[in-house]
Amino acid sequence: MQTPDELSKINAKPVGSRGSLWLKRILKTLLVLLLLLAATGWYLWTFQKPHHSAPTSAPKEIVASGDKVLDSIRRGVEYLKVNQETNGEFSRGLLDPKPGFTALVVDAIARSPDKYREKDNAWLKQATDAIKTYQRQNGAISTPAFGLDTYTTAVSLLALSALENPEHVTAIQRARDYLLSVQYKDDETSETFGAPGYTPGGKTSGDLAAYWVEALKEAGVKEGDPAFENAKKFLSRLQNDPETNKFPAKDTELDTDGGFIYRPGESKPEDGKGKSGKRMPRSYGLMSYAGLKSFLYMNVAKDDPRVQSAIRWVRENYTLEENRNIGPDGLYYYFLTMAKALSLYGETVITTADGKQHRWAEELSEKLISLQNNDGSWTNRTSSRWMENDAVMVTGYGIRTLTICHDELKKQVAPKTSEELNTRTKL
């Protein structure tokens, strides 16, 4: 027990000294908490970021069909089969936007030439069940913490639709209703009018809008629906063409190339400088094809000025060597979006500004086959941006892209015999 003298000494200490002591203790406590948070973050990023369990076996060897495109697709499918997790998903860890990876894989496999279906493939049913476990009360199919609800819902809707299973109708309808609910319906002069948000009321982008339009088209939304009519207005605001875009973002100037940017006033390449001296967001490959395919999904006519302006950009910027204007970033997503857009446009040959003719489905198929790894996978070897160093996700892109090309090659000239078909699809 302290004596009166000791108590008097304590009480005699200046108030400032006691306050300083408490401040030091608080700061030390905060420092410890920050260190603990940093250690937790490091652990999650190191061990719980998107990754995959080691496959228990090598991909199955395929029997050569004589159709190089089909064989490449089948090799990719066999790679994915051995990289499925025990819970049916196609990724592990907490730090990935589930169920996005799984849905990308299911969509690619279900739409591939062999048309995999759940009734014949227990592993595919397991993957589909995993996707549906993420459907929330509002219809979104997502993990809310990542703020990508609309993206993951859209790709999940596409995957469930591709399976053509009546058991998924209710889940698809609920997902469609969610997607319709996230569209901005504010003042028409607003930059976001007609755009979907990543979450209700969240940020938006042209790339997001493109997936949103595709998913709603798949879910049965028809031409002329107010959702599409308003989406056209938003997408027009992303086109670099003063003739088709009457609402450029404030303090920016439009380019005249007919391509598309990421969101009003913002794009992924470095800005240019307009004639008036204002900042000029530049078009780039992925978004330009995304804008084109979105207009075509909404049945905007081929001779519409917006479509023709976008096709002018394609003719002047056609390339398989990069995601035009941003290099290797997002290359495989660029390939997929290109294939969807050009397939919808319906022209076998793209004649570029230099007069060269490109049979795009053949060229894109050749390019992808040349990039396929020995185990049947694909991965972006020069850029990890947008997770394209993940072989499972990128293999899904590769399979889906080649499937579109394969369908195009079959349609170009209707063959009379199966032998003729195999001959025409050989590369």
Protein backbone atom coordinates (compact mmCIF):
# COMPACT_ATOMS: atom_id res chain seq x y z
CA MET A 1 0.00 0.00 0.00
CA GLN A 2 1.33 3.42 -0.95
CA THR A 3 2.26 5.82 1.83
CA PRO A 4 0.88 9.36 2.00
CA ASP A 5 4.30 10.66 0.94
CA GLU A 6 4.33 8.44 -2.15
CA LEU A 7 0.80 9.48 -3.06
CA SER A 8 1.72 13.10 -2.70
CA LYS A 9 4.68 12.58 -5.05
CA ILE A 10 2.44 10.99 -7.67
CA ASN A 11 -0.12 13.73 -7.37
CA ALA A 12 2.65 16.24 -7.60
CA LYS A 13 3.61 15.08 -11.12
CA PRO A 14 2.61 17.62 -13.76
CA VAL A 15 -0.68 16.87 -15.55
CA GLY A 16 1.17 17.14 -18.86
CA SER A 17 3.51 14.31 -17.92
CA ARG A 18 0.62 11.97 -17.10
CA GLY A 19 -1.09 12.90 -20.41
CA SER A 20 2.14 12.27 -22.32
CA LEU A 21 2.44 8.83 -20.72
CA TRP A 22 -1.09 7.87 -21.77
CA LEU A 23 -0.49 9.18 -25.29
CA LYS A 24 2.62 6.99 -25.60
CA ARG A 25 0.64 3.96 -24.44
CA ILE A 26 -2.11 4.68 -26.98
CA LEU A 27 0.41 5.10 -29.78
CA LYS A 28 2.14 1.83 -28.84
CA THR A 29 -1.21 0.04 -28.85
CA LEU A 30 -2.09 1.48 -32.27
CA LEU A 31 1.33 0.46 -33.60
CA VAL A 32 0.80 -3.11 -32.40
CA LEU A 33 -2.64 -3.20 -34.02
CA LEU A 34 -1.25 -1.85 -37.30
CA LEU A 35 1.49 -4.49 -37.27
CA LEU A 36 -1.11 -7.20 -36.64
CA LEU A 37 -3.25 -5.89 -39.50
CA ALA A 38 -0.22 -5.77 -41.80
CA ALA A 39 0.73 -9.33 -40.86
CA THR A 40 -2.86 -10.50 -41.48
CA GLY A 41 -2.91 -8.74 -44.85
CA TRP A 42 0.42 -10.29 -45.82
CA TYR A 43 -0.84 -13.75 -44.85
CA LEU A 44 -4.09 -13.36 -46.81
CA TRP A 45 -2.33 -12.03 -49.89
CA THR A 46 0.37 -14.67 -49.77
CA PHE A 47 -1.74 -17.71 -48.95
CA GLN A 48 -5.34 -16.78 -49.71
CA LYS A 49 -5.11 -14.83 -52.98
CA PRO A 50 -6.59 -16.53 -56.06
CA HIS A 51 -4.71 -19.75 -56.56
CA HIS A 52 -5.31 -23.40 -57.26
CA SER A 53 -4.55 -26.73 -55.67
CA ALA A 54 -1.93 -28.83 -57.42
CA PRO A 55 -3.71 -31.22 -59.81
CA THR A 56 -3.70 -34.85 -58.74
CA SER A 57 -3.03 -36.03 -62.29
CA ALA A 58 -1.83 -34.77 -65.64
CA PRO A 59 -4.42 -33.67 -68.21
CA LYS A 60 -5.79 -36.55 -70.23
CA GLU A 61 -4.36 -37.00 -73.72
CA ILE A 62 -6.92 -36.36 -76.43
CA VAL A 63 -7.46 -38.38 -79.58
CA ALA A 64 -6.53 -36.22 -82.56
CA SER A 65 -9.57 -35.44 -84.71
CA GLY A 66 -7.80 -33.85 -87.66
CA ASP A 67 -9.42 -30.53 -86.73
CA LYS A 68 -6.69 -28.45 -85.08
CA VAL A 69 -9.07 -25.92 -83.59
CA LEU A 70 -11.24 -28.59 -82.01
CA ASP A 71 -8.20 -30.46 -80.71
CA SER A 72 -6.85 -27.28 -79.12
CA ILE A 73 -10.20 -26.68 -77.39
CA ARG A 74 -10.30 -30.25 -76.10
CA ARG A 75 -6.78 -30.01 -74.71
CA GLY A 76 -7.82 -26.88 -72.84
CA VAL A 77 -10.88 -28.63 -71.41
CA GLU A 78 -8.76 -31.53 -70.16
CA TYR A 79 -6.46 -29.06 -68.42
CA LEU A 80 -9.40 -27.45 -66.64
CA LYS A 81 -10.86 -30.78 -65.54
CA VAL A 82 -7.78 -31.65 -63.47
CA ASN A 83 -7.65 -28.17 -61.94
CA GLN A 84 -11.08 -28.27 -60.31
CA GLU A 85 -11.14 -27.91 -56.53
CA THR A 86 -12.73 -30.58 -54.35
CA ASN A 87 -15.67 -28.24 -53.60
CA GLY A 88 -16.42 -27.88 -57.31
CA GLU A 89 -14.92 -24.42 -57.77
CA PHE A 90 -12.06 -23.43 -60.05
CA SER A 91 -10.14 -21.24 -57.61
CA ARG A 92 -9.03 -21.26 -54.01
CA GLY A 93 -8.42 -18.56 -51.47
CA LEU A 94 -10.43 -15.70 -50.03
CA LEU A 95 -9.13 -12.93 -52.27
CA ASP A 96 -10.84 -13.70 -55.54
CA PRO A 97 -14.24 -12.54 -56.76
CA LYS A 98 -16.10 -15.82 -56.39
CA PRO A 99 -17.97 -17.22 -58.24
CA GLY A 100 -16.37 -15.46 -61.21
CA PHE A 101 -13.59 -17.95 -61.97
CA THR A 102 -15.92 -20.95 -61.80
CA ALA A 103 -18.55 -19.29 -64.00
CA LEU A 104 -15.98 -18.36 -66.67
CA VAL A 105 -14.87 -21.99 -66.85
CA VAL A 106 -18.41 -23.42 -66.90
CA ASP A 107 -19.51 -20.98 -69.62
CA ALA A 108 -16.51 -21.87 -71.81
CA ILE A 109 -16.93 -25.63 -71.40
CA ALA A 110 -20.71 -25.65 -71.83
CA ARG A 111 -20.49 -23.66 -75.08
CA SER A 112 -17.53 -25.62 -76.49
CA PRO A 113 -18.13 -27.84 -79.56
CA ASP A 114 -18.63 -30.91 -77.34
CA LYS A 115 -21.44 -29.15 -75.42
CA TYR A 116 -20.72 -30.56 -71.97
CA ARG A 117 -23.84 -30.93 -69.82
CA GLU A 118 -24.38 -31.76 -66.16
CA LYS A 119 -26.35 -34.98 -66.65
CA ASP A 120 -23.30 -36.64 -68.19
CA ASN A 121 -20.59 -34.95 -66.10
CA ALA A 122 -20.81 -35.01 -62.32
CA TRP A 123 -17.86 -32.62 -62.03
CA LEU A 124 -19.75 -30.03 -64.10
CA LYS A 125 -22.83 -30.32 -61.89
CA GLN A 126 -20.60 -29.82 -58.87
CA ALA A 127 -19.24 -26.61 -60.41
CA THR A 128 -22.75 -25.37 -61.19
CA ASP A 129 -23.93 -26.11 -57.66
CA ALA A 130 -20.95 -24.12 -56.37
CA ILE A 131 -21.96 -21.11 -58.48
CA LYS A 132 -25.54 -21.19 -57.21
CA THR A 133 -24.46 -21.25 -53.56
CA TYR A 134 -23.37 -17.62 -54.03
CA GLN A 135 -26.80 -16.32 -55.04
CA ARG A 136 -27.94 -13.73 -52.53
CA GLN A 137 -31.37 -12.55 -51.49
CA ASN A 138 -31.32 -9.68 -54.02
CA GLY A 139 -30.55 -12.10 -56.88
CA ALA A 140 -26.87 -11.23 -57.24
CA ILE A 141 -24.47 -14.16 -57.59
CA SER A 142 -21.38 -12.84 -55.87
CA THR A 143 -19.21 -12.37 -52.83
CA PRO A 144 -20.18 -8.86 -51.69
CA ALA A 145 -16.84 -7.87 -50.18
CA PHE A 146 -15.22 -7.31 -53.59
CA GLY A 147 -17.71 -4.83 -55.02
CA LEU A 148 -17.91 -6.78 -58.29
CA ASP A 149 -21.44 -8.08 -57.84
CA THR A 150 -22.64 -7.11 -61.31
CA TYR A 151 -19.62 -8.64 -63.07
CA THR A 152 -19.86 -11.97 -61.28
CA THR A 153 -23.64 -12.07 -61.61
CA ALA A 154 -23.44 -11.44 -65.35
CA VAL A 155 -20.89 -14.16 -66.04
CA SER A 156 -22.75 -16.56 -63.72
CA LEU A 157 -25.97 -15.91 -65.62
CA LEU A 158 -24.16 -16.67 -68.89
CA ALA A 159 -22.79 -19.92 -67.46
CA LEU A 160 -26.14 -21.10 -66.11
CA SER A 161 -27.87 -20.23 -69.40
CA ALA A 162 -25.28 -22.10 -71.45
CA LEU A 163 -26.15 -25.37 -69.67
CA GLU A 164 -29.74 -25.31 -71.01
CA ASN A 165 -31.02 -26.88 -67.80
CA PRO A 166 -34.59 -26.00 -66.68
CA GLU A 167 -33.44 -26.39 -63.08
CA HIS A 168 -31.55 -23.10 -63.40
CA VAL A 169 -34.45 -20.99 -64.68
CA THR A 170 -35.32 -19.46 -61.31
CA ALA A 171 -31.71 -18.59 -60.52
CA ILE A 172 -31.32 -17.01 -63.98
CA GLN A 173 -34.49 -14.94 -63.58
CA ARG A 174 -33.41 -13.69 -60.16
CA ALA A 175 -29.97 -12.79 -61.55
CA ARG A 176 -31.60 -10.96 -64.48
CA ASP A 177 -33.78 -8.96 -62.09
CA TYR A 178 -30.71 -8.00 -60.08
CA LEU A 179 -28.87 -6.86 -63.21
CA LEU A 180 -31.83 -4.71 -64.23
CA SER A 181 -31.92 -3.16 -60.74
CA VAL A 182 -28.36 -1.80 -60.89
CA GLN A 183 -28.90 0.39 -63.96
CA TYR A 184 -28.74 4.13 -63.31
CA LYS A 185 -32.03 5.85 -64.06
CA ASP A 186 -31.03 9.35 -62.95
CA ASP A 187 -31.04 12.55 -65.00
CA GLU A 188 -30.37 11.81 -68.69
CA THR A 189 -27.67 14.45 -68.72
CA SER A 190 -25.72 12.52 -66.08
CA GLU A 191 -22.61 10.66 -67.21
CA THR A 192 -23.89 7.50 -65.54
CA PHE A 193 -27.40 7.50 -67.00
CA GLY A 194 -28.19 4.10 -68.51
CA ALA A 195 -25.08 2.45 -67.07
CA PRO A 196 -25.02 -0.47 -64.65
CA GLY A 197 -23.14 -0.06 -61.38
CA TYR A 198 -20.66 -2.62 -60.11
CA THR A 199 -23.04 -2.76 -57.14
CA PRO A 200 -26.33 -0.88 -56.71
CA GLY A 201 -25.28 2.76 -56.92
CA GLY A 202 -21.61 1.83 -57.41
CA LYS A 203 -19.07 2.90 -60.01
CA THR A 204 -19.52 1.85 -63.60
CA SER A 205 -17.50 1.26 -66.77
CA GLY A 206 -17.98 0.42 -70.41
CA ASP A 207 -16.49 -3.02 -69.98
CA LEU A 208 -18.96 -3.75 -67.19
CA ALA A 209 -21.81 -2.46 -69.36
CA ALA A 210 -20.75 -4.80 -72.18
CA TYR A 211 -20.95 -7.90 -69.97
CA TRP A 212 -24.22 -6.62 -68.51
CA VAL A 213 -25.79 -6.20 -71.97
CA GLU A 214 -24.63 -9.66 -73.07
CA ALA A 215 -26.04 -11.33 -69.96
CA LEU A 216 -29.41 -9.57 -70.28
CA LYS A 217 -29.60 -10.53 -73.95
CA GLU A 218 -28.98 -14.13 -72.92
CA ALA A 219 -31.71 -13.83 -70.27
CA GLY A 220 -34.28 -12.81 -72.86
CA VAL A 221 -34.36 -9.00 -72.67
CA LYS A 222 -35.59 -7.87 -76.07
CA GLU A 223 -34.76 -5.11 -78.53
CA GLY A 224 -36.46 -1.88 -77.56
CA ASP A 225 -36.57 -2.67 -73.85
CA PRO A 226 -36.00 0.53 -71.82
CA ALA A 227 -32.94 -1.07 -70.22
CA PHE A 228 -31.30 -1.42 -73.62
CA GLU A 229 -32.46 1.93 -74.92
CA ASN A 230 -30.87 3.64 -71.93
CA ALA A 231 -27.72 1.49 -72.16
CA LYS A 232 -27.26 2.68 -75.75
CA LYS A 233 -27.17 6.27 -74.48
CA PHE A 234 -24.46 5.43 -71.95
CA LEU A 235 -22.33 3.49 -74.44
CA SER A 236 -22.62 6.32 -76.97
CA ARG A 237 -20.98 8.58 -74.37
CA LEU A 238 -17.92 6.33 -74.48
CA GLN A 239 -17.40 6.51 -78.24
CA ASN A 240 -14.62 8.72 -79.55
CA ASP A 241 -16.62 10.29 -82.34
CA PRO A 242 -18.15 13.78 -82.16
CA GLU A 243 -20.76 12.72 -84.74
CA THR A 244 -22.17 9.97 -82.52
CA ASN A 245 -21.26 11.24 -79.06
CA LYS A 246 -22.96 14.51 -78.21
CA PHE A 247 -22.15 14.35 -74.50
CA PRO A 248 -18.38 14.20 -73.96
CA ALA A 249 -17.20 14.29 -70.36
CA LYS A 250 -16.62 17.74 -68.89
CA ASP A 251 -13.22 19.30 -69.62
CA THR A 252 -12.31 16.64 -72.19
CA GLU A 253 -12.19 16.53 -75.95
CA LEU A 254 -13.25 13.60 -78.12
CA ASP A 255 -10.91 11.86 -80.50
CA THR A 256 -12.37 11.10 -83.92
CA ASP A 257 -11.25 7.47 -84.39
CA GLY A 258 -14.59 5.80 -83.56
CA GLY A 259 -13.18 3.64 -80.76
CA PHE A 260 -14.32 3.47 -77.14
CA ILE A 261 -12.96 4.45 -73.74
CA TYR A 262 -13.40 2.88 -70.29
CA ARG A 263 -15.85 5.35 -68.72
CA PRO A 264 -16.80 8.98 -69.44
CA GLY A 265 -13.64 11.05 -69.17
CA GLU A 266 -11.40 8.08 -68.31
CA SER A 267 -9.54 5.44 -70.28
CA LYS A 268 -6.70 2.97 -69.78
CA PRO A 269 -4.08 4.38 -72.22
CA GLU A 270 -2.34 7.64 -71.43
CA ASP A 271 -4.49 10.60 -72.41
CA GLY A 272 -3.84 12.49 -75.58
CA LYS A 273 -4.20 16.23 -76.08
CA GLY A 274 -6.97 17.60 -78.24
CA LYS A 275 -6.80 20.47 -80.70
CA SER A 276 -8.37 22.76 -78.12
CA GLY A 277 -5.72 21.81 -75.58
CA LYS A 278 -8.12 19.77 -73.47
CA ARG A 279 -7.37 16.27 -72.20
CA MET A 280 -8.39 13.63 -74.74
CA PRO A 281 -9.00 10.08 -73.36
CA ARG A 282 -7.78 7.58 -75.98
CA SER A 283 -9.59 4.56 -77.37
CA TYR A 284 -8.18 1.09 -76.82
CA GLY A 285 -8.73 -2.40 -78.16
CA LEU A 286 -10.75 -4.19 -75.51
CA MET A 287 -13.24 -1.40 -74.98
CA SER A 288 -13.63 -0.68 -78.69
CA TYR A 289 -14.65 -4.26 -79.41
CA ALA A 290 -16.79 -4.28 -76.24
CA GLY A 291 -18.66 -1.20 -77.43
CA LEU A 292 -19.20 -2.68 -80.88
CA LYS A 293 -20.49 -6.01 -79.58
CA SER A 294 -22.82 -4.29 -77.13
CA PHE A 295 -24.50 -2.26 -79.86
CA LEU A 296 -24.86 -5.41 -81.96
CA TYR A 297 -26.30 -7.42 -79.05
CA MET A 298 -28.93 -4.69 -78.70
CA ASN A 299 -29.73 -5.04 -82.43
CA VAL A 300 -28.35 -1.68 -83.48
CA ALA A 301 -28.22 -1.96 -87.29
CA LYS A 302 -24.92 -2.52 -89.09
CA ASP A 303 -25.42 0.69 -91.07
CA ASP A 304 -26.04 2.75 -87.92
CA PRO A 305 -23.41 5.54 -87.64
CA ARG A 306 -22.28 4.23 -84.23
CA VAL A 307 -21.59 0.75 -85.59
CA GLN A 308 -19.95 2.04 -88.75
CA SER A 309 -17.73 4.37 -86.73
CA ALA A 310 -16.66 1.43 -84.53
CA ILE A 311 -15.95 -0.70 -87.60
CA ARG A 312 -13.82 2.12 -88.99
CA TRP A 313 -11.77 1.88 -85.78
CA VAL A 314 -11.45 -1.90 -86.31
CA ARG A 315 -10.21 -1.46 -89.87
CA GLU A 316 -7.61 1.07 -88.75
CA ASN A 317 -6.48 -0.82 -85.63
CA TYR A 318 -6.90 -4.53 -86.32
CA THR A 319 -4.12 -6.49 -84.63
CA LEU A 320 -3.51 -9.78 -82.84
CA GLU A 321 -0.18 -8.68 -81.39
CA GLU A 322 -1.50 -6.55 -78.55
CA ASN A 323 -4.55 -5.14 -76.84
CA ARG A 324 -4.36 -2.07 -79.04
CA ASN A 325 -2.96 0.97 -77.24
CA ILE A 326 -2.29 -0.81 -73.91
CA GLY A 327 0.04 -3.58 -75.07
CA PRO A 328 -0.08 -7.06 -73.49
CA ASP A 329 -2.42 -6.11 -70.63
CA GLY A 330 -5.69 -8.04 -70.82
CA LEU A 331 -4.63 -9.70 -74.09
CA TYR A 332 -6.77 -12.83 -73.77
CA TYR A 333 -9.86 -10.93 -72.67
CA TYR A 334 -9.22 -8.71 -75.70
CA PHE A 335 -9.10 -11.79 -77.96
CA LEU A 336 -12.41 -13.03 -76.57
CA THR A 337 -14.15 -9.68 -76.91
CA MET A 338 -12.81 -9.29 -80.45
CA ALA A 339 -14.16 -12.72 -81.42
CA LYS A 340 -17.61 -11.96 -80.01
CA ALA A 341 -17.80 -8.57 -81.73
CA LEU A 342 -16.62 -9.73 -85.17
CA SER A 343 -18.81 -12.82 -85.05
CA LEU A 344 -21.85 -10.66 -84.35
CA TYR A 345 -20.88 -8.23 -87.11
CA GLY A 346 -20.99 -11.15 -89.50
CA GLU A 347 -18.16 -10.42 -91.93
CA THR A 348 -15.72 -13.23 -92.71
CA VAL A 349 -13.01 -10.85 -93.91
CA ILE A 350 -11.81 -7.62 -92.34
CA THR A 351 -10.12 -5.34 -94.86
CA THR A 352 -7.75 -3.07 -92.98
CA ALA A 353 -6.80 0.50 -93.82
CA ASP A 354 -3.69 -0.71 -95.67
CA GLY A 355 -5.85 -2.78 -98.04
CA LYS A 356 -4.92 -6.17 -96.57
CA GLN A 357 -7.64 -8.76 -96.10
CA HIS A 358 -7.79 -10.71 -92.85
CA ARG A 359 -9.87 -13.83 -92.35
CA TRP A 360 -10.13 -13.05 -88.69
CA ALA A 361 -11.43 -16.41 -87.41
CA GLU A 362 -8.58 -18.30 -89.06
CA GLU A 363 -5.95 -15.80 -87.93
CA LEU A 364 -7.21 -15.66 -84.36
CA SER A 365 -7.37 -19.46 -84.17
CA GLU A 366 -3.81 -19.76 -85.44
CA LYS A 367 -2.65 -17.18 -82.93
CA LEU A 368 -4.25 -18.92 -79.95
CA ILE A 369 -3.03 -22.37 -80.96
CA SER A 370 0.50 -20.98 -81.24
CA LEU A 371 0.25 -19.61 -77.68
CA GLN A 372 -1.13 -22.77 -76.04
CA ASN A 373 1.11 -24.35 -73.40
CA ASN A 374 2.19 -27.99 -73.52
CA ASP A 375 -0.30 -28.94 -70.78
CA GLY A 376 -3.22 -27.50 -72.76
CA SER A 377 -3.47 -24.24 -70.82
CA TRP A 378 -3.03 -20.63 -71.77
CA THR A 379 -1.58 -17.83 -69.67
CA ASN A 380 -0.48 -14.28 -70.36
CA ARG A 381 3.30 -14.62 -70.38
CA THR A 382 4.09 -10.92 -70.39
CA SER A 383 1.45 -9.27 -68.17
CA SER A 384 -0.25 -10.21 -64.91
CA ARG A 385 -2.66 -7.29 -65.06
CA TRP A 386 -6.31 -8.25 -64.50
CA MET A 387 -5.12 -11.64 -63.22
CA GLU A 388 -4.13 -12.91 -66.67
CA ASN A 389 -1.20 -14.79 -65.15
CA ASP A 390 -3.85 -17.22 -63.82
CA ALA A 391 -3.83 -20.21 -66.18
CA VAL A 392 -7.28 -21.48 -65.18
CA MET A 393 -9.05 -18.21 -65.90
CA VAL A 394 -7.12 -17.53 -69.10
CA THR A 395 -7.71 -21.08 -70.35
CA GLY A 396 -11.42 -20.37 -70.00
CA TYR A 397 -10.92 -17.30 -72.22
CA GLY A 398 -8.93 -19.35 -74.73
CA ILE A 399 -11.53 -22.11 -75.02
CA ARG A 400 -14.41 -19.66 -75.41
CA THR A 401 -12.55 -17.65 -78.05
CA LEU A 402 -11.60 -20.73 -80.07
CA THR A 403 -15.18 -22.00 -79.88
CA ILE A 404 -16.43 -18.79 -81.49
CA CYS A 405 -13.76 -19.10 -84.18
CA HIS A 406 -14.62 -22.78 -84.72
CA ASP A 407 -18.30 -21.91 -85.17
CA GLU A 408 -17.36 -19.17 -87.63
CA LEU A 409 -15.15 -21.47 -89.69
CA LYS A 410 -17.98 -23.99 -89.94
CA LYS A 411 -20.47 -21.32 -91.06
CA GLN A 412 -18.36 -19.70 -93.75
CA VAL A 413 -19.12 -22.32 -96.38
CA ALA A 414 -21.72 -24.96 -95.60
CA PRO A 415 -19.92 -28.27 -96.21
CA LYS A 416 -21.59 -31.20 -97.92
CA THR A 417 -19.77 -33.92 -96.03
CA SER A 418 -18.08 -34.35 -92.68
CA GLU A 419 -14.82 -34.99 -94.52
CA GLU A 420 -15.11 -31.60 -96.23
CA LEU A 421 -15.87 -29.98 -92.87
CA ASN A 422 -12.69 -31.42 -91.34
CA THR A 423 -10.66 -30.25 -94.34
CA ARG A 424 -11.97 -26.70 -94.08
CA THR A 425 -11.34 -26.39 -90.37
CA LYS A 426 -7.76 -27.64 -90.57
CA LEU A 427 -5.23 -24.83 -90.19
